[in-house]
Amino acid sequence: RVRIGGGWDAYDMLVSSGDVDLDGRSDLLARDHDGVLWLYKGNGNQNDPFENRIRIGGGWDQYTNLF
């Protein structure tokens, strides 16, 4: 088990989404408690595996499943 950071309790859903941006690295989608969906692009660095989050948009709290 490898810790990849803290603060993940800010989200009510985390989804391993595959390679969303088609750069060959796995990405992560996270939905916060306000229904905002965020993209964490994978960067291939084992010690710090994600880039800064990118806001995709709001209104995602109406869905029970993302994928």
C-alpha atoms as a PDB file:
ATOM      1  CA  ARG A   1       0.000   0.000   0.000  1.00  0.00           C
ATOM      2  CA  VAL A   2       1.307   3.435  -0.961  1.00  0.00           C
ATOM      3  CA  ARG A   3      -0.058   6.712   0.374  1.00  0.00           C
ATOM      4  CA  ILE A   4      -0.761   9.142  -2.464  1.00  0.00           C
ATOM      5  CA  GLY A   5      -1.710  12.119  -0.338  1.00  0.00           C
ATOM      6  CA  GLY A   6      -4.331  13.284   2.086  1.00  0.00           C
ATOM      7  CA  GLY A   7      -7.609  15.124   1.906  1.00  0.00           C
ATOM      8  CA  TRP A   8      -9.463  12.530  -0.128  1.00  0.00           C
ATOM      9  CA  ASP A   9     -12.368  12.707   2.343  1.00  0.00           C
ATOM     10  CA  ALA A  10     -13.383  15.917   0.534  1.00  0.00           C
ATOM     11  CA  TYR A  11     -14.861  13.619  -2.115  1.00  0.00           C
ATOM     12  CA  ASP A  12     -17.868  11.343  -1.980  1.00  0.00           C
ATOM     13  CA  MET A  13     -16.832   9.372  -5.062  1.00  0.00           C
ATOM     14  CA  LEU A  14     -13.486   8.398  -6.592  1.00  0.00           C
ATOM     15  CA  VAL A  15     -13.351   6.605  -9.932  1.00  0.00           C
ATOM     16  CA  SER A  16     -10.409   5.043 -11.688  1.00  0.00           C
ATOM     17  CA  SER A  17     -11.369   6.308 -15.096  1.00  0.00           C
ATOM     18  CA  GLY A  18      -8.648   4.835 -17.250  1.00  0.00           C
ATOM     19  CA  ASP A  19      -6.804   7.232 -19.535  1.00  0.00           C
ATOM     20  CA  VAL A  20      -9.200  10.176 -19.929  1.00  0.00           C
ATOM     21  CA  ASP A  21      -6.732  12.501 -21.664  1.00  0.00           C
ATOM     22  CA  LEU A  22      -5.200   9.775 -23.872  1.00  0.00           C
ATOM     23  CA  ASP A  23      -1.622  10.398 -22.751  1.00  0.00           C
ATOM     24  CA  GLY A  24      -0.974   6.750 -21.876  1.00  0.00           C
ATOM     25  CA  ARG A  25      -1.314   7.228 -18.099  1.00  0.00           C
ATOM     26  CA  SER A  26      -4.204   6.306 -15.823  1.00  0.00           C
ATOM     27  CA  ASP A  27      -6.277   9.201 -14.509  1.00  0.00           C
ATOM     28  CA  LEU A  28      -8.644   9.628 -11.580  1.00  0.00           C
ATOM     29  CA  LEU A  29     -12.043  11.315 -11.382  1.00  0.00           C
ATOM     30  CA  ALA A  30     -13.269  12.667  -8.056  1.00  0.00           C
ATOM     31  CA  ARG A  31     -16.651  14.141  -7.150  1.00  0.00           C
ATOM     32  CA  ASP A  32     -16.801  16.464  -4.166  1.00  0.00           C
ATOM     33  CA  HIS A  33     -19.716  16.811  -1.749  1.00  0.00           C
ATOM     34  CA  ASP A  34     -21.035  19.815  -3.710  1.00  0.00           C
ATOM     35  CA  GLY A  35     -21.332  17.732  -6.882  1.00  0.00           C
ATOM     36  CA  VAL A  36     -18.288  19.187  -8.652  1.00  0.00           C
ATOM     37  CA  LEU A  37     -16.337  16.686 -10.750  1.00  0.00           C
ATOM     38  CA  TRP A  38     -12.534  16.935 -10.786  1.00  0.00           C
ATOM     39  CA  LEU A  39      -9.939  15.283 -13.010  1.00  0.00           C
ATOM     40  CA  TYR A  40      -6.585  14.218 -11.610  1.00  0.00           C
ATOM     41  CA  LYS A  41      -4.330  13.468 -14.570  1.00  0.00           C
ATOM     42  CA  GLY A  42      -1.803  10.712 -13.960  1.00  0.00           C
ATOM     43  CA  ASN A  43       1.806  11.681 -14.551  1.00  0.00           C
ATOM     44  CA  GLY A  44       3.700   8.403 -14.137  1.00  0.00           C
ATOM     45  CA  ASN A  45       5.544   9.539 -10.999  1.00  0.00           C
ATOM     46  CA  GLN A  46       5.231   6.819  -8.370  1.00  0.00           C
ATOM     47  CA  ASN A  47       5.906   9.228  -5.483  1.00  0.00           C
ATOM     48  CA  ASP A  48       3.482  11.951  -6.621  1.00  0.00           C
ATOM     49  CA  PRO A  49       1.242  10.261  -9.208  1.00  0.00           C
ATOM     50  CA  PHE A  50      -1.192  13.053 -10.137  1.00  0.00           C
ATOM     51  CA  GLU A  51      -1.036  16.553 -11.570  1.00  0.00           C
ATOM     52  CA  ASN A  52      -3.035  19.369  -9.960  1.00  0.00           C
ATOM     53  CA  ARG A  53      -6.738  18.774 -10.235  1.00  0.00           C
ATOM     54  CA  ILE A  54      -8.787  20.207 -13.097  1.00  0.00           C
ATOM     55  CA  ARG A  55     -12.415  21.220 -12.579  1.00  0.00           C
ATOM     56  CA  ILE A  56     -14.677  19.481 -15.068  1.00  0.00           C
ATOM     57  CA  GLY A  57     -17.953  21.007 -13.893  1.00  0.00           C
ATOM     58  CA  GLY A  58     -20.784  20.981 -11.397  1.00  0.00           C
ATOM     59  CA  GLY A  59     -24.118  19.215 -11.166  1.00  0.00           C
ATOM     60  CA  TRP A  60     -22.650  15.729 -10.919  1.00  0.00           C
ATOM     61  CA  ASP A  61     -24.329  15.097  -7.562  1.00  0.00           C
ATOM     62  CA  GLN A  62     -27.498  14.064  -9.402  1.00  0.00           C
ATOM     63  CA  TYR A  63     -25.795  10.842 -10.520  1.00  0.00           C
ATOM     64  CA  THR A  64     -25.331   7.763  -8.357  1.00  0.00           C
ATOM     65  CA  ASN A  65     -22.718   6.236 -10.696  1.00  0.00           C
ATOM     66  CA  LEU A  66     -20.123   7.970 -12.818  1.00  0.00           C
ATOM     67  CA  PHE A  67     -18.912   4.951 -14.811  1.00  0.00           C
END
